[in-house]
């Protein structure tokens, strides 16, 4: 995983263990949520921090903090 602000569809699909097509659906949904909150979005990419918050991961995602939240 890279330390960029935005994740591309391949990173999203890999993180979720899904197809690229489903990755695009997730990106679109998350970007629509961010737009509704007034944030800047990039088509085909999603903010890394927001992505990990929404899929219930904790830790510093910029440092590879893919620790599973205690559920």
Protein backbone atom coordinates (compact mmCIF):
# COMPACT_ATOMS: atom_id res chain seq x y z
CA UNK A 1 0.00 0.00 0.00
CA UNK A 2 1.33 3.43 -0.87
CA UNK A 3 1.20 6.52 1.30
CA UNK A 4 -0.81 8.68 -1.11
CA UNK A 5 -3.93 10.58 -0.13
CA UNK A 6 -6.14 8.81 -2.66
CA UNK A 7 -6.64 5.10 -3.38
CA UNK A 8 -7.26 3.84 -6.90
CA UNK A 9 -9.74 1.13 -7.80
CA UNK A 10 -7.12 -1.64 -7.73
CA UNK A 11 -6.18 -0.77 -4.14
CA UNK A 12 -9.84 -0.63 -3.10
CA UNK A 13 -10.63 -3.98 -4.72
CA UNK A 14 -7.57 -5.57 -3.11
CA UNK A 15 -8.35 -4.16 0.34
CA UNK A 16 -11.91 -5.48 0.14
CA UNK A 17 -11.07 -8.72 -1.64
CA UNK A 18 -13.56 -7.93 -4.38
CA UNK A 19 -13.68 -7.34 -8.12
CA UNK A 20 -12.60 -4.10 -9.73
CA UNK A 21 -16.21 -3.48 -10.79
CA UNK A 22 -17.34 -3.60 -7.16
CA UNK A 23 -14.39 -1.37 -6.24
CA UNK A 24 -15.75 1.29 -8.59
CA UNK A 25 -19.18 1.05 -6.93
CA UNK A 26 -17.62 1.56 -3.49
CA UNK A 27 -15.57 4.52 -4.72
CA UNK A 28 -18.65 6.12 -6.25
CA UNK A 29 -20.67 5.66 -3.06
CA UNK A 30 -17.95 7.02 -0.80
CA UNK A 31 -17.26 9.97 -3.12
CA UNK A 32 -20.98 10.82 -3.18
CA UNK A 33 -20.97 10.82 0.64
CA UNK A 34 -17.91 13.09 0.68
CA UNK A 35 -19.42 15.47 -1.91
CA UNK A 36 -22.57 15.76 0.20
CA UNK A 37 -20.35 16.87 3.10
CA UNK A 38 -18.69 19.47 0.87
CA UNK A 39 -15.37 17.70 0.32
CA UNK A 40 -13.31 17.59 -2.85
CA UNK A 41 -13.34 14.23 -4.65
CA UNK A 42 -11.46 12.71 -7.57
CA UNK A 43 -13.33 10.49 -10.03
CA UNK A 44 -12.10 6.90 -9.87
CA UNK A 45 -10.24 7.46 -6.60
CA UNK A 46 -11.26 7.72 -2.96
CA UNK A 47 -9.69 9.40 0.05
CA UNK A 48 -7.64 6.75 1.85
CA UNK A 49 -8.47 7.93 5.38
CA UNK A 50 -12.21 8.07 4.66
CA UNK A 51 -12.13 4.64 3.03
CA UNK A 52 -10.58 2.98 6.09
CA UNK A 53 -12.92 4.85 8.46
CA UNK A 54 -15.96 3.64 6.50
CA UNK A 55 -14.88 0.01 6.39
CA UNK A 56 -14.35 0.00 10.15
CA UNK A 57 -10.57 -0.10 10.34
CA UNK A 58 -8.70 1.81 13.00
CA UNK A 59 -5.17 3.05 13.14
CA UNK A 60 -3.22 5.41 10.97
CA UNK A 61 -4.01 4.23 7.45
CA UNK A 62 -1.15 6.35 6.08
CA UNK A 63 1.24 4.09 7.97
CA UNK A 64 -0.48 0.91 6.85
CA UNK A 65 -2.78 0.91 9.87
CA UNK A 66 -5.05 -1.80 8.57
CA UNK A 67 -5.71 -3.13 12.05
CA UNK A 68 -9.17 -4.57 12.33
CA UNK A 69 -11.37 -2.69 14.75
CA UNK A 70 -12.30 -4.57 17.90
CA UNK A 71 -15.85 -5.61 17.13
